[in-house]
Amino acid sequence: MAKGTVIYQKFNGINNVKKPWELDQTELVEAINVDIDKSNRILLREGRTIKLSGSYSNLWANGYIILATYGGNLVSVNPDFTTATILRVDVGNEKMSYVTVNDIVVYSNNMVIGYVKNGADYAFPLPTDTFKFPLIPGHLLEYYRGRLFIARGNVIWHSDVMAKRFGSLDKRSNGRQLPSRILLMKAVDDGLWLSDETAIYYASGVDPYTLNLAKIKDYPAIFGMADQVDGQLMSSRIPLIGTSFMIGTASGVCYIGNGGFFMNITEKGYEMPRGTSGTMLFHKGNINRLISIVNS
């Protein structure tokens, strides 16, 4: 060991809230290709292997099927990542939203809406009742209490109960509005988490006609940055029971869960890079990782 070398045993990670000269010995200005384990030790991060080459986007999977867009078409990617099968042509290049509904996957990107079942693409049937109209395309989808929720612009539409009237909206009473474009729509067990361009909200209740909307934070989520997590894997200090998510916001990474539970876990030490959209993935393994990408 070189003379004058100083050894630090533990690190808490990057802190980009403080100025560099304000950091203590456990905080880093920058960390590249490393992980920090539960004992606060730095480990070299594992490398990467290319599984799928080409200009794929909107990649999504639910354990049974892998979907993506390629060349403006909706495709199903083989489990071994060797080839992809075209399911629907000319779906456009906008960001696609997917949601699992029982044995189907519903998709939409503000231009088209449809569903995939048993590896094939289908259109929703047209309703015949005079007071019903077809499902409309939206930029965000969610499934809650038997209904499909569709966000388009600043308006949220809800379908009829899918098991009773498949693929129809009731035009007599529908369409909830937020002040600006909706950036987040995620369902937990007793409500919907929402965000527009200025704030984060929690809509509690089980009936879409009587949801009670409450503002939780005066800063927005980042569009596309949300992933479901097992709350029991989190710190024992804040275990979450039931459905929970991690989301990226303008003020850091946050936990959201049932009953309007909200906790910003990074606001004291890490500011999320500024961006208009992004993606987030929780990877469970020897080291649980939250992988985030922010688009400027």
Protein backbone atom coordinates (compact mmCIF):
# COMPACT_ATOMS: atom_id res chain seq x y z
CA MET A 1 0.00 0.00 0.00
CA ALA A 2 1.41 3.37 -1.01
CA LYS A 3 2.54 5.69 1.74
CA GLY A 4 -0.11 8.26 2.59
CA THR A 5 -2.98 6.11 1.26
CA VAL A 6 -6.26 6.63 3.13
CA ILE A 7 -8.69 3.68 3.28
CA TYR A 8 -12.43 4.28 3.60
CA GLN A 9 -14.39 1.23 4.74
CA LYS A 10 -17.94 2.28 3.90
CA PHE A 11 -19.80 4.46 1.40
CA ASN A 12 -23.44 5.58 1.39
CA GLY A 13 -23.47 6.41 -2.31
CA ILE A 14 -23.65 9.54 -4.45
CA ASN A 15 -24.77 12.80 -2.90
CA ASN A 16 -25.44 15.48 -5.50
CA VAL A 17 -27.48 17.72 -3.21
CA LYS A 18 -24.53 18.99 -1.19
CA LYS A 19 -21.58 20.82 -2.71
CA PRO A 20 -18.49 18.59 -3.15
CA TRP A 21 -16.60 20.28 -0.29
CA GLU A 22 -19.56 19.61 2.03
CA LEU A 23 -19.53 15.81 1.58
CA ASP A 24 -18.41 13.57 4.39
CA GLN A 25 -16.16 10.53 4.01
CA THR A 26 -19.03 8.14 3.17
CA GLU A 27 -20.47 10.19 0.29
CA LEU A 28 -19.36 10.17 -3.35
CA VAL A 29 -19.41 12.83 -6.03
CA GLU A 30 -19.51 10.21 -8.77
CA ALA A 31 -19.67 6.39 -8.97
CA ILE A 32 -19.25 4.59 -12.31
CA ASN A 33 -20.00 0.88 -12.85
CA VAL A 34 -20.14 0.02 -9.17
CA ASP A 35 -22.77 -1.22 -6.71
CA ILE A 36 -23.01 -0.63 -2.98
CA ASP A 37 -24.13 -3.63 -0.94
CA LYS A 38 -26.06 -3.76 2.35
CA SER A 39 -22.79 -3.40 4.27
CA ASN A 40 -22.04 -0.16 2.37
CA ARG A 41 -19.12 -1.74 0.55
CA ILE A 42 -18.34 -0.84 -3.07
CA LEU A 43 -18.45 -3.77 -5.52
CA LEU A 44 -17.59 -3.82 -9.20
CA ARG A 45 -20.84 -3.98 -11.18
CA GLU A 46 -21.44 -6.96 -13.47
CA GLY A 47 -21.00 -6.45 -17.19
CA ARG A 48 -23.64 -6.45 -19.93
CA THR A 49 -24.46 -8.86 -22.75
CA ILE A 50 -26.38 -7.83 -25.88
CA LYS A 51 -29.56 -9.90 -26.13
CA LEU A 52 -31.39 -8.08 -28.92
CA SER A 53 -29.87 -5.85 -31.60
CA GLY A 54 -31.76 -3.41 -33.79
CA SER A 55 -33.86 -0.28 -33.43
CA TYR A 56 -36.40 -1.66 -30.96
CA SER A 57 -38.34 0.64 -28.67
CA ASN A 58 -41.20 0.37 -26.18
CA LEU A 59 -39.82 -2.95 -24.91
CA TRP A 60 -42.13 -4.50 -22.28
CA ALA A 61 -42.67 -7.93 -20.72
CA ASN A 62 -44.95 -9.50 -18.12
CA GLY A 63 -43.39 -12.95 -17.70
CA TYR A 64 -45.46 -14.51 -20.49
CA ILE A 65 -44.83 -12.32 -23.52
CA ILE A 66 -42.29 -9.73 -24.68
CA LEU A 67 -43.69 -6.84 -26.72
CA ALA A 68 -41.96 -3.95 -28.48
CA THR A 69 -42.22 -1.68 -31.49
CA TYR A 70 -39.89 -1.95 -34.46
CA GLY A 71 -40.09 0.11 -37.63
CA GLY A 72 -43.46 1.50 -36.61
CA ASN A 73 -44.93 -1.98 -36.07
CA LEU A 74 -45.98 -3.78 -32.89
CA VAL A 75 -43.93 -6.97 -32.52
CA SER A 76 -43.65 -9.96 -30.21
CA VAL A 77 -40.06 -10.84 -29.34
CA ASN A 78 -39.11 -14.50 -28.99
CA PRO A 79 -38.14 -15.52 -25.43
CA ASP A 80 -34.62 -16.37 -26.62
CA PHE A 81 -34.32 -12.87 -28.21
CA THR A 82 -33.45 -14.35 -31.61
CA THR A 83 -36.31 -13.00 -33.74
CA ALA A 84 -39.49 -10.94 -33.53
CA THR A 85 -42.95 -11.50 -35.05
CA ILE A 86 -45.03 -8.60 -36.39
CA LEU A 87 -48.41 -8.43 -34.63
CA ARG A 88 -49.77 -5.15 -36.02
CA VAL A 89 -48.38 -2.81 -38.65
CA ASP A 90 -48.33 0.99 -38.63
CA VAL A 91 -48.93 1.60 -34.93
CA GLY A 92 -46.74 4.72 -35.07
CA ASN A 93 -43.66 5.73 -33.13
CA GLU A 94 -45.16 7.33 -30.00
CA LYS A 95 -44.43 5.83 -26.59
CA MET A 96 -46.53 2.71 -26.03
CA SER A 97 -48.31 1.91 -22.77
CA TYR A 98 -49.14 -1.69 -21.85
CA VAL A 99 -51.18 -3.30 -19.09
CA THR A 100 -52.02 -6.92 -18.28
CA VAL A 101 -55.75 -7.61 -17.96
CA ASN A 102 -56.32 -11.21 -16.92
CA ASP A 103 -55.18 -13.29 -19.94
CA ILE A 104 -54.65 -10.39 -22.38
CA VAL A 105 -52.27 -7.45 -22.74
CA VAL A 106 -53.87 -4.15 -23.70
CA TYR A 107 -51.68 -1.61 -25.52
CA SER A 108 -52.14 1.99 -26.63
CA ASN A 109 -49.99 4.94 -27.68
CA ASN A 110 -52.49 7.79 -28.19
CA MET A 111 -52.88 6.70 -31.83
CA VAL A 112 -54.07 3.07 -31.61
CA ILE A 113 -55.52 0.75 -29.01
CA GLY A 114 -55.85 -3.05 -29.09
CA TYR A 115 -54.93 -6.18 -27.22
CA VAL A 116 -52.76 -9.28 -27.57
CA LYS A 117 -53.99 -12.74 -26.60
CA ASN A 118 -52.19 -16.05 -27.12
CA GLY A 119 -49.59 -14.33 -29.28
CA ALA A 120 -52.09 -12.71 -31.68
CA ASP A 121 -53.36 -9.14 -32.07
CA TYR A 122 -57.03 -8.20 -31.76
CA ALA A 123 -59.22 -5.11 -31.99
CA PHE A 124 -61.81 -4.46 -29.31
CA PRO A 125 -65.39 -5.15 -30.47
CA LEU A 126 -67.56 -2.15 -31.26
CA PRO A 127 -70.36 -1.65 -28.71
CA THR A 128 -73.93 -1.73 -30.01
CA ASP A 129 -75.72 0.10 -27.18
CA THR A 130 -76.54 3.73 -27.99
CA PHE A 131 -75.13 5.01 -24.70
CA LYS A 132 -71.77 3.23 -25.16
CA PHE A 133 -68.80 4.10 -27.31
CA PRO A 134 -65.54 2.27 -28.15
CA LEU A 135 -62.38 2.42 -26.09
CA ILE A 136 -60.31 5.43 -27.12
CA PRO A 137 -56.52 5.44 -27.55
CA GLY A 138 -54.52 7.07 -24.79
CA HIS A 139 -50.93 7.64 -23.72
CA LEU A 140 -51.28 5.76 -20.38
CA LEU A 141 -53.21 2.63 -19.45
CA GLU A 142 -53.99 1.02 -16.09
CA TYR A 143 -56.27 -1.76 -14.84
CA TYR A 144 -58.09 -1.26 -11.56
CA ARG A 145 -61.04 -3.06 -9.96
CA GLY A 146 -62.06 -4.82 -13.18
CA ARG A 147 -61.95 -1.70 -15.36
CA LEU A 148 -59.48 -0.32 -17.87
CA PHE A 149 -58.42 3.26 -17.18
CA ILE A 150 -57.19 5.34 -20.13
CA ALA A 151 -55.38 8.67 -19.82
CA ARG A 152 -55.51 10.94 -22.84
CA GLY A 153 -54.13 14.42 -22.41
CA ASN A 154 -55.41 15.62 -19.02
CA VAL A 155 -58.51 13.38 -19.02
CA ILE A 156 -58.92 9.90 -17.52
CA TRP A 157 -61.59 7.62 -18.99
CA HIS A 158 -62.72 4.32 -17.47
CA SER A 159 -64.22 1.35 -19.24
CA ASP A 160 -67.17 -0.73 -18.18
CA VAL A 161 -66.30 -3.74 -16.06
CA MET A 162 -64.33 -5.81 -18.58
CA ALA A 163 -65.92 -9.11 -17.56
CA LYS A 164 -69.41 -7.73 -18.32
CA ARG A 165 -68.98 -5.33 -21.26
CA PHE A 166 -65.68 -5.96 -23.01
CA GLY A 167 -64.23 -2.91 -24.73
CA SER A 168 -66.81 -0.20 -24.11
CA LEU A 169 -67.06 3.17 -22.36
CA ASP A 170 -70.24 4.63 -20.92
CA LYS A 171 -70.68 8.04 -22.49
CA ARG A 172 -73.34 9.15 -19.99
CA SER A 173 -70.89 9.78 -17.15
CA ASN A 174 -67.20 9.51 -17.85
CA GLY A 175 -64.00 11.50 -18.06
CA ARG A 176 -62.18 12.82 -14.96
CA GLN A 177 -59.83 15.77 -15.50
CA LEU A 178 -56.58 16.95 -13.94
CA PRO A 179 -55.28 20.48 -14.51
CA SER A 180 -52.61 19.41 -17.05
CA ARG A 181 -51.29 16.41 -19.00
CA ILE A 182 -51.25 13.19 -16.99
CA LEU A 183 -47.74 11.81 -16.40
CA LEU A 184 -48.43 8.96 -13.95
CA MET A 185 -51.32 6.53 -13.48
CA LYS A 186 -50.66 3.48 -11.30
CA ALA A 187 -53.15 1.37 -9.37
CA VAL A 188 -52.57 -0.01 -5.90
CA ASP A 189 -55.08 -2.04 -3.90
CA ASP A 190 -57.27 0.82 -2.71
CA GLY A 191 -56.78 3.64 -5.21
CA LEU A 192 -55.00 5.24 -8.13
CA TRP A 193 -51.75 7.21 -7.99
CA LEU A 194 -51.78 10.08 -10.49
CA SER A 195 -49.57 12.95 -11.52
CA ASP A 196 -49.95 15.83 -13.92
CA GLU A 197 -47.28 18.37 -14.87
CA THR A 198 -47.38 20.15 -11.50
CA ALA A 199 -48.36 17.73 -8.70
CA ILE A 200 -48.80 14.14 -7.49
CA TYR A 201 -52.26 12.97 -6.38
CA TYR A 202 -53.90 9.96 -4.78
CA ALA A 203 -57.45 9.00 -5.83
CA SER A 204 -58.80 6.70 -3.12
CA GLY A 205 -61.81 4.42 -3.43
CA VAL A 206 -63.01 1.42 -5.41
CA ASP A 207 -65.77 3.01 -7.53
CA PRO A 208 -64.54 5.19 -10.42
CA TYR A 209 -67.57 7.45 -10.01
CA THR A 210 -66.75 8.29 -6.36
CA LEU A 211 -62.94 8.39 -6.25
CA ASN A 212 -61.69 10.96 -3.75
CA LEU A 213 -58.75 12.96 -5.14
CA ALA A 214 -56.14 14.37 -2.75
CA LYS A 215 -52.98 16.30 -3.65
CA ILE A 216 -49.93 14.61 -2.07
CA LYS A 217 -46.95 16.61 -3.36
CA ASP A 218 -46.45 19.91 -5.19
CA TYR A 219 -44.00 18.41 -7.68
CA PRO A 220 -44.67 16.04 -10.60
CA ALA A 221 -43.66 12.52 -11.49
CA ILE A 222 -41.44 12.01 -14.52
CA PHE A 223 -43.40 10.45 -17.37
CA GLY A 224 -42.62 6.73 -17.79
CA MET A 225 -40.60 6.37 -14.57
CA ALA A 226 -42.52 3.86 -12.44
CA ASP A 227 -42.06 0.18 -11.63
CA GLN A 228 -43.80 -2.17 -9.23
CA VAL A 229 -41.69 -3.42 -6.33
CA ASP A 230 -42.05 -5.85 -3.46
CA GLY A 231 -42.35 -3.58 -0.46
CA GLN A 232 -41.05 -6.33 1.82
CA LEU A 233 -37.67 -6.10 0.09
CA MET A 234 -37.30 -2.49 1.12
CA SER A 235 -35.73 -1.28 4.33
CA SER A 236 -37.26 -2.86 7.43
CA ARG A 237 -37.91 0.69 8.57
CA ILE A 238 -40.57 1.20 5.89
CA PRO A 239 -41.92 -2.17 4.68
CA LEU A 240 -44.91 -1.72 2.38
CA ILE A 241 -47.84 -4.14 2.52
CA GLY A 242 -49.65 -4.91 -0.71
CA THR A 243 -49.10 -3.34 -4.12
CA SER A 244 -46.40 -0.67 -4.19
CA PHE A 245 -44.26 1.16 -6.73
CA MET A 246 -41.09 3.16 -6.99
CA ILE A 247 -41.43 6.29 -9.11
CA GLY A 248 -39.10 8.94 -10.42
CA THR A 249 -40.07 12.53 -9.66
CA ALA A 250 -38.66 15.99 -10.13
CA SER A 251 -37.50 15.82 -6.50
CA GLY A 252 -36.10 12.29 -6.31
CA VAL A 253 -37.03 8.60 -6.13
CA CYS A 254 -40.18 7.86 -4.11
CA TYR A 255 -42.16 4.92 -2.73
CA ILE A 256 -45.92 4.92 -3.22
CA GLY A 257 -48.38 2.39 -1.85
CA ASN A 258 -51.77 1.66 -0.36
CA GLY A 259 -53.67 4.19 1.71
CA GLY A 260 -51.85 7.09 0.08
CA PHE A 261 -48.48 6.06 1.53
CA PHE A 262 -45.75 8.26 0.04
CA MET A 263 -42.07 8.58 0.91
CA ASN A 264 -39.32 10.41 -0.94
CA ILE A 265 -36.25 8.34 -0.17
CA THR A 266 -33.55 10.38 -1.93
CA GLU A 267 -34.49 14.05 -1.45
CA LYS A 268 -31.78 14.58 1.19
CA GLY A 269 -28.99 13.07 -0.88
CA TYR A 270 -29.81 12.70 -4.56
CA GLU A 271 -31.57 14.88 -7.12
CA MET A 272 -32.98 13.15 -10.18
CA PRO A 273 -31.53 14.51 -13.44
CA ARG A 274 -33.93 16.90 -15.14
CA GLY A 275 -35.85 15.40 -18.04
CA THR A 276 -39.21 15.18 -19.74
CA SER A 277 -39.51 11.38 -19.62
CA GLY A 278 -37.66 8.23 -18.68
CA THR A 279 -37.92 4.62 -17.65
CA MET A 280 -37.42 2.70 -14.42
CA LEU A 281 -36.78 -0.97 -13.65
CA PHE A 282 -36.45 -2.73 -10.30
CA HIS A 283 -34.03 -5.66 -10.67
CA LYS A 284 -34.18 -8.31 -7.97
CA GLY A 285 -30.99 -10.33 -7.49
CA ASN A 286 -28.01 -10.72 -5.21
CA ILE A 287 -28.09 -6.94 -5.04
CA ASN A 288 -31.48 -5.32 -5.57
CA ARG A 289 -31.07 -2.48 -8.04
CA LEU A 290 -33.28 0.35 -9.19
CA ILE A 291 -32.23 1.13 -12.76
CA SER A 292 -33.33 4.54 -14.05
CA ILE A 293 -32.87 6.35 -17.34
CA VAL A 294 -33.94 9.98 -17.75
CA ASN A 295 -34.39 11.54 -21.18
CA SER A 296 -33.40 15.19 -21.32
